Amino acid sequence: MVRGVDYTNRSPLEIPPVELGQFIFDSYVATVSEQKPCLDIEEYISVTGRTGAKSVLRLPLSDDEATVNKVVACMIYDISLNGTKVKDFLDSVHSS
């Protein structure tokens, strides 16, 4: 509950601000349509002014090994050294 609200079983389009909800929704749609993992890495500044990095890995899942009917998302929030450790690691893995 990083944003202070539990969005479990709700549409990503309900997440404010509208632009963020749309971005998340579009990322899920892309994962389903492309049928391959999607990795988003973003640096951010929290409301308290602390900087960090957030990495989101979205993985397509299938009940029949043909049609993607689910997506699982894993998020890592890193505030160590302004988010450089996890971001550098994931950048290195993603660029390989």
N, C-alpha and C. Protein backbone atom coordinates (compact mmCIF):
# COMPACT_ATOMS: atom_id res chain seq x y z
N MET A 1 0.84 -1.17 0.00
CA MET A 1 0.00 0.00 0.00
C MET A 1 0.89 1.25 0.00
N VAL A 2 1.71 1.36 -1.02
CA VAL A 2 2.68 2.44 -1.12
C VAL A 2 2.01 3.79 -1.28
N ARG A 3 0.93 3.86 -2.02
CA ARG A 3 0.25 5.14 -2.29
C ARG A 3 -0.83 5.46 -1.25
N GLY A 4 -0.94 4.63 -0.22
CA GLY A 4 -1.89 4.91 0.85
C GLY A 4 -3.28 4.33 0.60
N VAL A 5 -3.47 3.64 -0.53
CA VAL A 5 -4.75 3.04 -0.85
C VAL A 5 -4.49 1.65 -1.43
N ASP A 6 -5.34 0.69 -1.08
CA ASP A 6 -5.21 -0.66 -1.61
C ASP A 6 -6.03 -0.76 -2.89
N TYR A 7 -5.37 -1.00 -4.02
CA TYR A 7 -6.06 -1.10 -5.30
C TYR A 7 -6.25 -2.55 -5.75
N THR A 8 -6.13 -3.49 -4.84
CA THR A 8 -6.33 -4.89 -5.17
C THR A 8 -7.72 -5.09 -5.76
N ASN A 9 -7.79 -5.87 -6.84
CA ASN A 9 -9.05 -6.18 -7.54
C ASN A 9 -9.75 -4.95 -8.12
N ARG A 10 -9.00 -3.90 -8.34
CA ARG A 10 -9.55 -2.70 -8.98
C ARG A 10 -8.79 -2.45 -10.28
N SER A 11 -9.40 -1.73 -11.17
CA SER A 11 -8.76 -1.41 -12.45
C SER A 11 -7.61 -0.44 -12.23
N PRO A 12 -6.51 -0.61 -12.98
CA PRO A 12 -5.43 0.39 -12.91
C PRO A 12 -5.92 1.78 -13.30
N LEU A 13 -6.99 1.85 -14.07
CA LEU A 13 -7.53 3.15 -14.48
C LEU A 13 -8.10 3.94 -13.31
N GLU A 14 -8.28 3.28 -12.16
CA GLU A 14 -8.77 3.97 -10.96
C GLU A 14 -7.66 4.62 -10.16
N ILE A 15 -6.40 4.36 -10.54
CA ILE A 15 -5.26 4.89 -9.79
C ILE A 15 -5.01 6.34 -10.20
N PRO A 16 -5.00 7.26 -9.23
CA PRO A 16 -4.69 8.65 -9.56
C PRO A 16 -3.19 8.89 -9.59
N PRO A 17 -2.72 9.90 -10.27
CA PRO A 17 -3.47 10.74 -11.20
C PRO A 17 -3.83 9.94 -12.45
N VAL A 18 -4.73 10.46 -13.24
CA VAL A 18 -5.25 9.78 -14.42
C VAL A 18 -4.13 9.29 -15.34
N GLU A 19 -3.10 10.11 -15.51
CA GLU A 19 -1.98 9.75 -16.39
C GLU A 19 -1.25 8.51 -15.90
N LEU A 20 -1.08 8.37 -14.60
CA LEU A 20 -0.41 7.20 -14.03
C LEU A 20 -1.26 5.96 -14.22
N GLY A 21 -2.55 6.05 -13.92
CA GLY A 21 -3.45 4.93 -14.11
C GLY A 21 -3.47 4.46 -15.56
N GLN A 22 -3.48 5.42 -16.49
CA GLN A 22 -3.48 5.08 -17.91
C GLN A 22 -2.17 4.41 -18.31
N PHE A 23 -1.04 4.91 -17.79
CA PHE A 23 0.27 4.31 -18.08
C PHE A 23 0.32 2.86 -17.60
N ILE A 24 -0.16 2.62 -16.40
CA ILE A 24 -0.15 1.27 -15.84
C ILE A 24 -1.05 0.36 -16.66
N PHE A 25 -2.24 0.84 -16.99
CA PHE A 25 -3.18 0.07 -17.80
C PHE A 25 -2.55 -0.29 -19.15
N ASP A 26 -1.96 0.70 -19.80
CA ASP A 26 -1.33 0.48 -21.11
C ASP A 26 -0.18 -0.52 -21.01
N SER A 27 0.56 -0.51 -19.90
CA SER A 27 1.65 -1.46 -19.71
C SER A 27 1.12 -2.89 -19.60
N TYR A 28 0.00 -3.07 -18.90
CA TYR A 28 -0.61 -4.40 -18.81
C TYR A 28 -1.11 -4.85 -20.19
N VAL A 29 -1.76 -3.96 -20.92
CA VAL A 29 -2.26 -4.29 -22.26
C VAL A 29 -1.10 -4.69 -23.17
N ALA A 30 0.01 -3.95 -23.11
CA ALA A 30 1.19 -4.27 -23.93
C ALA A 30 1.76 -5.64 -23.56
N THR A 31 1.79 -5.96 -22.28
CA THR A 31 2.30 -7.26 -21.84
C THR A 31 1.43 -8.39 -22.39
N VAL A 32 0.12 -8.18 -22.39
CA VAL A 32 -0.80 -9.20 -22.92
C VAL A 32 -0.65 -9.32 -24.44
N SER A 33 -0.65 -8.19 -25.13
CA SER A 33 -0.63 -8.25 -26.60
C SER A 33 0.72 -8.72 -27.15
N GLU A 34 1.81 -8.34 -26.49
CA GLU A 34 3.14 -8.75 -26.97
C GLU A 34 3.53 -10.14 -26.47
N GLN A 35 2.83 -10.63 -25.46
CA GLN A 35 3.07 -11.94 -24.87
C GLN A 35 4.52 -12.13 -24.44
N LYS A 36 5.10 -11.07 -23.88
CA LYS A 36 6.46 -11.17 -23.35
C LYS A 36 6.60 -10.24 -22.14
N PRO A 37 7.58 -10.49 -21.30
CA PRO A 37 7.77 -9.66 -20.10
C PRO A 37 8.03 -8.20 -20.45
N CYS A 38 7.66 -7.34 -19.52
CA CYS A 38 7.86 -5.89 -19.67
C CYS A 38 8.53 -5.39 -18.39
N LEU A 39 9.59 -4.62 -18.55
CA LEU A 39 10.29 -4.05 -17.41
C LEU A 39 10.28 -2.53 -17.53
N ASP A 40 9.73 -1.86 -16.53
CA ASP A 40 9.75 -0.39 -16.46
C ASP A 40 10.60 0.00 -15.26
N ILE A 41 11.53 0.93 -15.49
CA ILE A 41 12.35 1.45 -14.40
C ILE A 41 12.19 2.97 -14.40
N GLU A 42 11.83 3.50 -13.27
CA GLU A 42 11.68 4.95 -13.19
C GLU A 42 12.30 5.48 -11.91
N GLU A 43 12.89 6.64 -12.02
CA GLU A 43 13.39 7.33 -10.84
C GLU A 43 12.30 8.30 -10.40
N TYR A 44 12.21 8.53 -9.10
CA TYR A 44 11.15 9.40 -8.61
C TYR A 44 11.64 10.21 -7.42
N ILE A 45 10.86 11.22 -7.08
CA ILE A 45 11.07 12.01 -5.86
C ILE A 45 9.79 11.88 -5.06
N SER A 46 9.90 11.39 -3.83
CA SER A 46 8.72 11.20 -2.99
C SER A 46 8.20 12.54 -2.49
N VAL A 47 7.02 12.52 -1.88
CA VAL A 47 6.44 13.75 -1.34
C VAL A 47 7.30 14.33 -0.24
N THR A 48 8.16 13.51 0.38
CA THR A 48 9.05 14.00 1.43
C THR A 48 10.35 14.54 0.85
N GLY A 49 10.52 14.42 -0.48
CA GLY A 49 11.73 14.93 -1.12
C GLY A 49 12.82 13.89 -1.31
N ARG A 50 12.60 12.69 -0.81
CA ARG A 50 13.60 11.63 -0.95
C ARG A 50 13.55 11.06 -2.38
N THR A 51 14.71 10.82 -2.96
CA THR A 51 14.76 10.25 -4.30
C THR A 51 14.93 8.74 -4.21
N GLY A 52 14.49 8.06 -5.25
CA GLY A 52 14.61 6.61 -5.28
C GLY A 52 14.33 6.11 -6.67
N ALA A 53 14.23 4.80 -6.78
CA ALA A 53 13.92 4.17 -8.06
C ALA A 53 12.86 3.11 -7.83
N LYS A 54 11.98 2.98 -8.80
CA LYS A 54 10.95 1.94 -8.75
C LYS A 54 11.09 1.12 -10.02
N SER A 55 11.18 -0.19 -9.86
CA SER A 55 11.27 -1.10 -10.99
C SER A 55 10.04 -1.99 -10.96
N VAL A 56 9.39 -2.12 -12.11
CA VAL A 56 8.20 -2.96 -12.22
C VAL A 56 8.43 -3.98 -13.33
N LEU A 57 8.35 -5.25 -12.96
CA LEU A 57 8.46 -6.34 -13.92
C LEU A 57 7.07 -6.94 -14.08
N ARG A 58 6.57 -6.95 -15.33
CA ARG A 58 5.27 -7.54 -15.62
C ARG A 58 5.49 -8.81 -16.44
N LEU A 59 4.90 -9.91 -15.98
CA LEU A 59 5.08 -11.21 -16.64
C LEU A 59 3.74 -11.73 -17.15
N PRO A 60 3.68 -12.12 -18.42
CA PRO A 60 2.43 -12.69 -18.95
C PRO A 60 2.26 -14.13 -18.47
N LEU A 61 1.03 -14.50 -18.14
CA LEU A 61 0.72 -15.85 -17.69
C LEU A 61 -0.39 -16.43 -18.56
N SER A 62 -0.40 -17.75 -18.68
CA SER A 62 -1.40 -18.41 -19.51
C SER A 62 -1.86 -19.70 -18.87
N ASP A 63 -3.16 -19.95 -18.95
CA ASP A 63 -3.70 -21.22 -18.46
C ASP A 63 -3.55 -22.34 -19.49
N ASP A 64 -3.43 -21.96 -20.79
CA ASP A 64 -3.38 -22.98 -21.84
C ASP A 64 -2.09 -22.94 -22.67
N GLU A 65 -1.10 -22.18 -22.23
CA GLU A 65 0.19 -22.03 -22.90
C GLU A 65 0.08 -21.38 -24.28
N ALA A 66 -1.06 -20.77 -24.58
CA ALA A 66 -1.24 -20.10 -25.87
C ALA A 66 -1.78 -18.68 -25.70
N THR A 67 -2.78 -18.53 -24.85
CA THR A 67 -3.44 -17.25 -24.67
C THR A 67 -3.03 -16.63 -23.34
N VAL A 68 -2.55 -15.39 -23.37
CA VAL A 68 -2.23 -14.69 -22.13
C VAL A 68 -3.54 -14.21 -21.52
N ASN A 69 -3.84 -14.73 -20.32
CA ASN A 69 -5.09 -14.34 -19.66
C ASN A 69 -4.86 -13.74 -18.27
N LYS A 70 -3.59 -13.60 -17.90
CA LYS A 70 -3.26 -12.99 -16.61
C LYS A 70 -1.90 -12.31 -16.73
N VAL A 71 -1.67 -11.33 -15.89
CA VAL A 71 -0.37 -10.67 -15.81
C VAL A 71 -0.03 -10.53 -14.33
N VAL A 72 1.18 -10.90 -13.97
CA VAL A 72 1.64 -10.69 -12.60
C VAL A 72 2.68 -9.56 -12.64
N ALA A 73 2.59 -8.66 -11.68
CA ALA A 73 3.53 -7.54 -11.62
C ALA A 73 4.29 -7.59 -10.30
N CYS A 74 5.60 -7.42 -10.40
CA CYS A 74 6.47 -7.38 -9.22
C CYS A 74 7.11 -6.00 -9.17
N MET A 75 7.01 -5.34 -8.04
CA MET A 75 7.59 -4.00 -7.89
C MET A 75 8.69 -4.01 -6.86
N ILE A 76 9.76 -3.29 -7.17
CA ILE A 76 10.85 -3.11 -6.22
C ILE A 76 11.04 -1.61 -6.05
N TYR A 77 10.92 -1.15 -4.82
CA TYR A 77 11.20 0.25 -4.50
C TYR A 77 12.56 0.28 -3.83
N ASP A 78 13.45 1.10 -4.35
CA ASP A 78 14.81 1.18 -3.82
C ASP A 78 15.11 2.62 -3.43
N ILE A 79 15.40 2.82 -2.16
CA ILE A 79 15.78 4.16 -1.71
C ILE A 79 17.23 4.21 -1.25
N SER A 80 17.96 3.09 -1.43
CA SER A 80 19.36 3.08 -1.04
C SER A 80 20.18 3.90 -2.02
N LEU A 81 21.01 4.77 -1.52
CA LEU A 81 21.87 5.60 -2.36
C LEU A 81 21.08 6.25 -3.49
N ASN A 82 19.93 6.80 -3.12
CA ASN A 82 19.05 7.45 -4.09
C ASN A 82 18.59 6.51 -5.19
N GLY A 83 18.45 5.24 -4.87
CA GLY A 83 17.89 4.29 -5.82
C GLY A 83 18.85 3.77 -6.86
N THR A 84 20.14 3.98 -6.69
CA THR A 84 21.07 3.60 -7.75
C THR A 84 21.40 2.11 -7.77
N LYS A 85 21.40 1.43 -6.65
CA LYS A 85 21.83 0.03 -6.64
C LYS A 85 20.89 -0.87 -7.44
N VAL A 86 19.62 -0.85 -7.12
CA VAL A 86 18.67 -1.71 -7.83
C VAL A 86 18.52 -1.25 -9.28
N LYS A 87 18.46 0.05 -9.51
CA LYS A 87 18.31 0.56 -10.88
C LYS A 87 19.49 0.13 -11.74
N ASP A 88 20.72 0.28 -11.24
CA ASP A 88 21.90 -0.12 -12.01
C ASP A 88 21.88 -1.62 -12.28
N PHE A 89 21.50 -2.42 -11.28
CA PHE A 89 21.45 -3.87 -11.48
C PHE A 89 20.42 -4.23 -12.55
N LEU A 90 19.19 -3.69 -12.44
CA LEU A 90 18.16 -4.04 -13.40
C LEU A 90 18.48 -3.49 -14.79
N ASP A 91 19.10 -2.32 -14.87
CA ASP A 91 19.53 -1.80 -16.17
C ASP A 91 20.53 -2.76 -16.81
N SER A 92 21.47 -3.29 -16.02
CA SER A 92 22.48 -4.19 -16.56
C SER A 92 21.88 -5.49 -17.04
N VAL A 93 20.89 -6.01 -16.32
CA VAL A 93 20.23 -7.25 -16.70
C VAL A 93 19.39 -7.02 -17.96
N HIS A 94 18.67 -5.90 -17.97
CA HIS A 94 17.75 -5.60 -19.07
C HIS A 94 18.50 -5.32 -20.37
N SER A 95 19.69 -4.76 -20.28
CA SER A 95 20.44 -4.39 -21.50
C SER A 95 21.24 -5.56 -22.05
N SER A 96 21.31 -6.67 -21.34
CA SER A 96 22.09 -7.84 -21.79
C SER A 96 21.46 -8.50 -22.99
